[in-house]
Protein backbone atom coordinates (compact mmCIF):
# COMPACT_ATOMS: atom_id res chain seq x y z
CA MET A 1 153.88 80.70 91.78
CA THR A 2 154.48 84.43 91.58
CA LEU A 3 154.70 86.02 88.14
CA ARG A 4 157.48 88.57 87.91
CA HIS A 5 156.52 91.26 85.41
CA SER A 6 159.41 93.07 83.77
CA ALA A 7 159.70 96.83 83.34
CA LEU A 8 157.53 98.79 80.90
CA LEU A 9 159.11 102.22 80.69
CA GLY A 10 158.30 105.28 78.62
CA VAL A 11 154.89 105.39 80.30
CA ARG A 12 154.04 108.54 82.21
CA VAL A 13 151.39 109.34 84.83
CA VAL A 14 149.72 112.50 83.54
CA ALA A 15 147.03 113.04 86.15
CA SER A 16 144.84 111.39 88.76
CA GLY A 17 141.38 111.96 90.15
CA SER A 18 139.04 110.70 92.82
CA ALA A 19 135.33 110.84 93.64
CA ARG A 20 133.48 110.35 96.91
CA PRO A 21 129.73 110.08 97.52
CA CYS A 22 129.48 113.56 99.11
CA ASP A 23 131.23 115.40 96.28
CA ALA A 24 129.44 118.45 94.94
CA VAL A 25 129.29 117.01 91.41
CA PHE A 26 126.43 114.77 92.49
CA ALA A 27 122.89 116.09 92.78
CA ARG A 28 121.71 116.69 96.34
CA GLU A 29 119.06 113.97 96.15
CA ARG A 30 121.68 111.45 94.98
CA ALA A 31 124.60 112.46 97.22
CA GLY A 32 125.91 110.15 99.91
CA ILE A 33 126.76 110.82 103.54
CA GLU A 34 129.93 111.08 105.62
CA LEU A 35 129.93 109.04 108.81
CA SER A 36 132.04 108.72 111.94
CA ASN A 37 132.25 105.30 113.61
CA LEU A 38 129.47 106.22 116.03
CA GLU A 39 127.32 107.56 113.20
CA VAL A 40 127.70 104.26 111.34
CA ALA A 41 126.33 102.44 114.39
CA ARG A 42 123.43 104.88 114.67
CA LEU A 43 122.54 104.52 111.00
CA LEU A 44 122.54 100.71 111.17
CA LEU A 45 121.18 100.12 114.69
CA GLY A 46 119.19 103.25 115.44
CA ASP A 47 119.78 106.35 117.57
CA ASP A 48 119.71 104.37 120.82
CA CYS A 49 122.49 102.04 119.66
CA GLU A 50 124.81 102.55 122.67
CA ALA A 51 123.21 99.76 124.71
CA GLU A 52 123.41 97.31 121.83
CA LEU A 53 127.04 98.25 121.19
CA ALA A 54 127.85 97.66 124.86
CA ARG A 55 126.20 94.23 124.81
CA ALA A 56 128.28 93.26 121.77
CA ASP A 57 131.44 94.78 123.29
CA LEU A 58 131.77 97.20 120.38
CA ASP A 59 133.33 100.60 121.02
CA PRO A 60 133.65 103.19 118.21
CA GLU A 61 136.72 104.80 119.77
CA ARG A 62 138.44 101.50 120.43
CA ALA A 63 137.79 100.51 116.83
CA ARG A 64 139.33 103.78 115.63
CA VAL A 65 142.52 103.12 117.56
CA ALA A 66 142.74 99.43 116.67
CA TRP A 67 141.85 99.66 112.98
CA GLY A 68 142.88 103.21 112.10
CA VAL A 69 139.53 104.14 110.54
CA GLU A 70 137.84 107.34 111.71
CA ARG A 71 135.44 108.34 108.94
CA ARG A 72 134.12 107.16 105.60
CA GLN A 73 131.60 108.17 102.95
CA TRP A 74 128.76 105.91 101.88
CA VAL A 75 126.33 105.93 99.00
CA ARG A 76 123.97 104.20 101.43
CA THR A 77 122.11 106.89 103.36
CA ARG A 78 119.78 104.83 105.54
CA ARG A 79 119.50 101.33 106.95
CA ALA A 80 117.02 100.02 104.39
CA ALA A 81 118.42 101.92 101.40
CA THR A 82 117.79 100.29 98.01
CA PRO A 83 120.40 100.39 95.23
CA GLU A 84 117.97 102.32 93.03
CA SER A 85 117.89 105.19 95.54
CA CYS A 86 121.69 105.55 95.82
CA LEU A 87 124.64 106.58 93.73
CA ASP A 88 126.12 103.55 92.02
CA ALA A 89 129.60 102.47 91.04
CA GLY A 90 129.19 103.77 87.51
CA GLU A 91 128.47 107.32 88.65
CA LEU A 92 131.43 107.35 91.04
CA ALA A 93 133.78 105.82 88.45
CA THR A 94 132.73 108.32 85.78
CA ALA A 95 133.26 111.26 88.14
CA ALA A 96 136.77 110.12 89.14
CA ALA A 97 137.73 109.47 85.51
CA ARG A 98 136.40 112.85 84.42
CA ALA A 99 138.40 114.56 87.19
CA ALA A 100 141.62 112.95 85.95
CA LEU A 101 140.91 113.96 82.35
CA GLN A 102 140.10 117.54 83.31
CA ARG A 103 143.27 117.90 85.39
CA ALA A 104 145.32 116.62 82.49
CA GLY A 105 143.51 118.73 79.91
CA VAL A 106 143.05 115.59 77.82
CA ALA A 107 139.91 114.94 75.77
CA ALA A 108 138.17 111.62 76.40
CA GLU A 109 138.39 110.86 72.68
CA ARG A 110 142.16 110.48 73.06
CA VAL A 111 141.82 107.53 75.46
CA ASP A 112 142.65 104.27 73.72
CA VAL A 113 142.20 101.99 76.75
CA LEU A 114 139.82 102.26 79.68
CA VAL A 115 140.11 99.72 82.52
CA THR A 116 137.70 99.59 85.46
CA ALA A 117 138.24 97.48 88.58
CA THR A 118 135.50 96.77 91.12
CA SER A 119 133.96 94.05 93.27
CA THR A 120 130.62 95.87 93.53
CA PRO A 121 129.36 96.49 89.98
CA PRO A 122 125.82 97.83 89.60
CA ARG A 123 124.84 95.09 87.12
CA ILE A 124 125.70 91.40 86.81
CA SER A 125 126.45 91.12 83.11
CA SER A 126 126.78 94.56 81.52
CA SER A 127 130.28 96.04 81.35
CA LEU A 128 130.96 98.84 83.82
CA ALA A 129 133.93 99.97 81.68
CA SER A 130 131.68 100.26 78.63
CA ARG A 131 129.21 102.36 80.58
CA VAL A 132 131.94 104.72 81.81
CA ALA A 133 133.36 104.92 78.28
CA ARG A 134 129.93 105.82 76.92
CA GLU A 135 129.39 108.52 79.56
CA LEU A 136 132.80 110.08 78.90
CA GLY A 137 132.92 109.68 75.13
CA VAL A 138 135.79 107.19 75.09
CA GLY A 139 135.85 105.16 71.91
CA GLY A 140 138.76 102.82 72.62
CA VAL A 141 139.03 99.46 74.36
CA ALA A 142 136.92 99.23 77.53
CA LEU A 143 137.45 96.28 79.86
CA ASP A 144 136.53 95.23 83.41
CA LEU A 145 138.76 93.58 86.01
CA ARG A 146 137.47 91.55 88.96
CA ALA A 147 140.31 90.89 91.39
CA GLY A 148 139.10 92.37 94.67
CA GLY A 149 141.36 95.00 96.17
CA ALA A 150 144.16 93.96 93.79
CA GLY A 151 142.11 94.92 90.73
CA ALA A 152 143.37 98.47 90.24
CA LEU A 153 147.05 97.45 90.44
CA GLN A 154 146.38 94.68 87.93
CA GLY A 155 144.69 97.38 85.85
CA LEU A 156 147.81 99.55 85.93
CA VAL A 157 149.94 96.63 84.73
CA THR A 158 147.40 95.78 82.01
CA ALA A 159 147.22 99.38 80.81
CA ALA A 160 151.02 99.64 80.71
CA GLN A 161 151.08 96.55 78.48
CA TYR A 162 148.64 98.17 76.06
CA LEU A 163 150.76 101.33 76.00
CA ALA A 164 153.89 99.32 75.34
CA HIS A 165 152.21 97.73 72.31
CA GLY A 166 150.76 100.67 70.41
CA ALA A 167 148.18 102.48 72.56
CA SER A 168 148.98 106.12 73.38
CA CYS A 169 146.65 106.93 76.29
CA ALA A 170 145.06 104.77 79.01
CA LEU A 171 142.67 105.47 81.88
CA ILE A 172 142.46 103.18 84.91
CA VAL A 173 139.57 103.47 87.39
CA GLY A 174 138.97 101.63 90.68
CA VAL A 175 135.59 101.96 92.36
CA GLU A 176 133.58 100.37 95.18
CA THR A 177 130.14 100.81 96.75
CA SER A 178 130.55 98.25 99.53
CA SER A 179 128.04 99.96 101.82
CA LEU A 180 125.18 98.58 99.69
CA TYR A 181 126.22 95.03 100.60
CA LEU A 182 126.95 95.42 104.30
CA ASP A 183 124.86 93.50 106.82
CA ALA A 184 122.87 96.03 108.86
CA HIS A 185 123.58 94.01 112.03
CA ASP A 186 127.34 93.66 111.48
CA VAL A 187 128.65 96.99 112.74
CA ARG A 188 132.14 95.59 113.22
CA SER A 189 132.53 94.98 109.48
CA ALA A 190 130.68 98.16 108.55
CA TRP A 191 133.23 100.28 110.42
CA LEU A 192 135.96 99.10 108.05
CA TYR A 193 134.44 100.01 104.68
CA GLY A 194 133.79 103.15 102.68
CA ASP A 195 132.71 103.96 99.12
CA GLY A 196 134.61 105.89 96.48
CA ALA A 197 136.53 105.87 93.21
CA GLY A 198 140.05 106.71 92.07
CA ALA A 199 141.46 107.16 88.57
CA VAL A 200 144.87 107.49 86.92
CA LEU A 201 145.61 108.68 83.38
CA LEU A 202 148.70 107.27 81.63
CA VAL A 203 150.31 108.19 78.31
CA ARG A 204 153.04 106.59 76.23
CA ASP A 205 155.99 108.99 76.14
CA PRO A 206 159.21 107.67 74.55
CA SER A 207 161.08 110.74 75.85
CA ALA A 208 160.37 109.61 79.44
CA ALA A 209 162.66 106.62 79.09
CA GLU A 210 163.19 106.07 82.83
CA ARG A 211 159.57 106.55 83.90
CA GLY A 212 156.80 103.98 84.09
CA LEU A 213 156.37 100.46 85.45
CA VAL A 214 159.69 99.40 87.00
CA GLY A 215 158.43 95.93 87.84
CA ALA A 216 155.52 94.00 89.34
CA LEU A 217 154.72 90.77 91.14
CA LEU A 218 151.35 89.10 90.53
CA ALA A 219 150.01 85.91 92.11
CA SER A 220 146.95 84.14 93.48
CA GLU A 221 146.79 82.18 96.73
CA HIS A 222 144.47 79.63 98.30
CA VAL A 223 143.66 80.78 101.83
CA VAL A 224 141.87 78.49 104.27
CA GLY A 225 138.90 79.91 106.14
CA ARG A 226 135.78 81.99 105.51
CA PRO A 227 136.58 85.07 103.40
CA PHE A 228 135.01 88.51 103.46
CA THR A 229 132.76 88.12 100.46
CA VAL A 230 129.15 88.14 99.29
CA PRO A 231 128.43 84.38 99.18
CA GLY A 232 125.13 84.49 97.28
CA VAL A 233 124.98 82.51 94.04
CA LEU A 234 124.16 84.00 90.65
CA PRO A 235 121.51 84.16 89.38
CA PRO A 236 119.96 84.90 92.80
CA THR A 237 117.63 82.34 94.32
CA ALA A 238 114.74 82.95 96.70
CA GLU A 239 116.37 80.70 99.28
CA ALA A 240 119.67 82.61 99.16
CA LEU A 241 117.85 85.92 99.45
CA GLU A 242 115.96 84.64 102.49
CA ARG A 243 119.25 83.59 104.13
CA GLY A 244 120.76 87.02 103.57
CA ASP A 245 123.48 85.66 101.27
CA TYR A 246 123.75 88.93 99.37
CA ARG A 247 125.43 90.75 102.23
CA PHE A 248 129.14 90.62 103.03
CA GLN A 249 130.01 87.87 105.49
CA ARG A 250 132.66 88.56 108.12
CA PRO A 251 135.90 86.56 107.68
CA ASP A 252 136.83 84.06 110.34
CA ALA A 253 140.03 84.13 112.41
CA ALA A 254 141.86 81.62 110.20
CA TYR A 255 141.28 83.68 107.06
CA GLY A 256 142.10 86.97 108.77
CA GLY A 257 145.34 85.65 110.21
CA ALA A 258 146.47 84.16 106.91
CA LEU A 259 145.68 87.40 105.10
CA LEU A 260 147.72 89.42 107.59
CA GLU A 261 150.74 87.21 106.93
CA LEU A 262 150.22 87.53 103.17
CA TRP A 263 150.36 91.33 103.45
CA ALA A 264 153.79 91.10 105.04
CA ALA A 265 154.96 88.32 102.71
CA THR A 266 153.97 90.31 99.61
CA SER A 267 156.09 93.29 100.66
CA ARG A 268 158.99 91.05 101.70
CA GLU A 269 158.90 89.42 98.28
CA LEU A 270 158.90 92.81 96.54
CA VAL A 271 162.02 93.78 98.51
CA ALA A 272 163.71 90.43 97.78
CA VAL A 273 163.08 90.64 94.02
CA PHE A 274 163.81 94.38 93.66
CA PRO A 275 166.26 95.19 96.49
CA ARG A 276 168.09 98.05 94.77
CA GLU A 277 164.87 99.74 93.69
CA CYS A 278 163.22 99.37 97.11
CA ALA A 279 166.28 100.97 98.71
CA GLU A 280 165.50 104.21 96.84
CA LEU A 281 161.76 104.08 97.46
CA ALA A 282 160.20 107.53 97.99
CA HIS A 283 156.53 106.66 98.64
CA PHE A 284 154.44 103.63 99.59
CA ALA A 285 150.77 103.94 98.57
CA PRO A 286 149.02 100.64 99.29
CA TYR A 287 145.49 99.36 99.48
CA ALA A 288 144.59 98.12 102.97
CA VAL A 289 141.53 97.19 105.01
CA SER A 290 142.80 98.09 108.48
CA ARG A 291 145.77 99.53 110.33
CA PRO A 292 147.24 96.11 111.27
CA GLN A 293 147.29 95.14 107.59
CA LEU A 294 148.81 98.49 106.70
CA ASP A 295 151.54 98.04 109.31
CA ALA A 296 152.30 94.50 108.12
CA ALA A 297 152.60 95.66 104.51
CA SER A 298 154.62 98.79 105.35
CA ALA A 299 157.29 97.36 107.64
CA PRO A 300 159.46 95.52 105.05
CA LEU A 301 159.36 98.39 102.54
CA LEU A 302 160.04 101.16 105.05
CA ALA A 303 162.95 99.14 106.43
CA ALA A 304 164.34 98.54 102.94
CA SER A 305 164.31 102.27 102.22
CA VAL A 306 166.04 102.97 105.56
CA GLY A 307 163.08 105.04 106.65
CA ARG A 308 163.15 107.37 103.65
CA ALA A 309 159.89 106.17 102.11
CA ARG A 310 156.74 108.07 103.00
CA LEU A 311 153.61 106.06 103.78
CA VAL A 312 150.61 107.43 101.88
CA THR A 313 147.21 106.28 103.09
CA THR A 314 143.68 107.65 103.27
CA LEU A 315 142.48 104.86 105.57
CA ALA A 316 141.50 107.19 108.44
CA ARG A 317 139.46 109.47 106.18
CA ASP A 318 138.03 107.03 103.65
CA ALA A 319 138.19 103.60 105.36
CA CYS A 320 138.79 100.66 103.03
CA VAL A 321 137.61 101.45 99.51
CA GLY A 322 138.62 98.16 97.90
CA ALA A 323 139.89 98.37 94.35
CA ALA A 324 139.80 102.17 94.57
CA GLY A 325 142.13 102.29 97.58
CA ALA A 326 145.55 102.37 95.92
CA LEU A 327 144.40 104.87 93.27
CA ILE A 328 142.83 107.19 95.85
CA ALA A 329 146.09 107.05 97.82
CA LEU A 330 148.05 107.87 94.66
CA ASP A 331 145.71 110.77 93.92
CA ALA A 332 146.20 112.09 97.46
CA LEU A 333 149.98 111.91 96.97
CA LEU A 334 149.96 113.72 93.63
CA GLU A 335 147.54 116.39 94.82
CA SER A 336 149.63 117.05 97.94
CA GLY A 337 152.57 118.17 95.82
CA ALA A 338 154.90 115.90 97.80
CA ALA A 339 155.82 113.75 94.81
CA ALA A 340 158.40 114.77 92.22
CA ASN A 341 159.25 113.51 88.76
CA GLY A 342 161.57 110.55 89.13
CA ASP A 343 160.19 109.47 92.52
CA LEU A 344 159.75 105.73 92.93
CA ILE A 345 156.40 104.57 94.31
CA ALA A 346 155.51 101.12 95.62
CA SER A 347 151.99 99.80 95.98
CA THR A 348 150.64 96.47 97.19
CA ALA A 349 147.16 94.99 97.34
CA LEU A 350 145.38 91.77 98.28
CA GLY A 351 141.81 90.76 97.68
CA GLY A 352 139.31 88.72 95.75
CA GLY A 353 140.03 85.50 97.62
CA VAL A 354 143.04 85.95 97.18
CA ASN A 355 144.79 87.84 94.41
CA ARG A 356 148.12 89.48 95.24
CA ALA A 357 149.69 92.42 93.41
CA ALA A 358 152.76 94.51 94.13
CA LEU A 359 154.37 97.02 91.83
CA LEU A 360 157.02 99.69 91.57
CA TRP A 361 156.29 102.77 89.47
CA ARG A 362 158.60 105.70 88.69
CA LEU A 363 156.80 109.02 88.27
């Protein structure tokens, strides 16, 4: 059953921010690398990877056309990189959050609620949100969300609820470091994923009575098949380590096909529940793993807006960045200057085996 979330208005987006592994804020010895599709193959398979790619019928250019991914940035800088030698999710999340605060001119001490969303935290039990709060000087509520690619949108809804019930300022951060968990022999999956973080700063503003969360749809689904996930149990066992269970496994055809249909169904449902609002849609800034998923999610919303809505995606430049994807897209929109106060934005996301989220937000 889908939960329809009612409007929470009087909530304003003040600023956004993003962080990528190659950003200048990171020390040279900790910075990540930017990779084309061919460079990903060389990093994982070696400089003479062309023959192995040909044997596996893998073509970097064909993948670019089919999946829409051209480049990405990774914290992982070599095939056998260890987590200790790389940037981690906490550093990326803190940098994105700090960028949003600096653009807004808001002190971290004013933040009442900090929400972080990730599927690739640097520690099993310690709170990533608490670490980011400590680094920034945030003294309010700090909480983590684990919902795959849908986590950041769930975070926006959660933060809006806090603002509607007394909080004055909220910071939402999505971050992923998927490259640390990719199988070095699975180039096909590696081409799809990048690392990065996005952040959005919200404030309660009663004078902005028409701005804020217009509505949201939230649900979970059981999907048959093998998902894209790290299957290793916690705590880790020697046997699971030996089997390579702490690397992402590639989804099978049944799971991939079902997920593609869910992308389209989620957008169709958003249009069905909010037809008048979707008709005036100005921007669509979704999370997506590949171009086919992006097309499936976009078609119902672009049709509902009679072609007026602008698709906002950083898939070609950043690849799939999981929970950070929708927030990085929103940051790209706001930084481009193409969005105006009063514009209606839609965003959808699936992930985490499988959580669904779709929302409408008026700037």
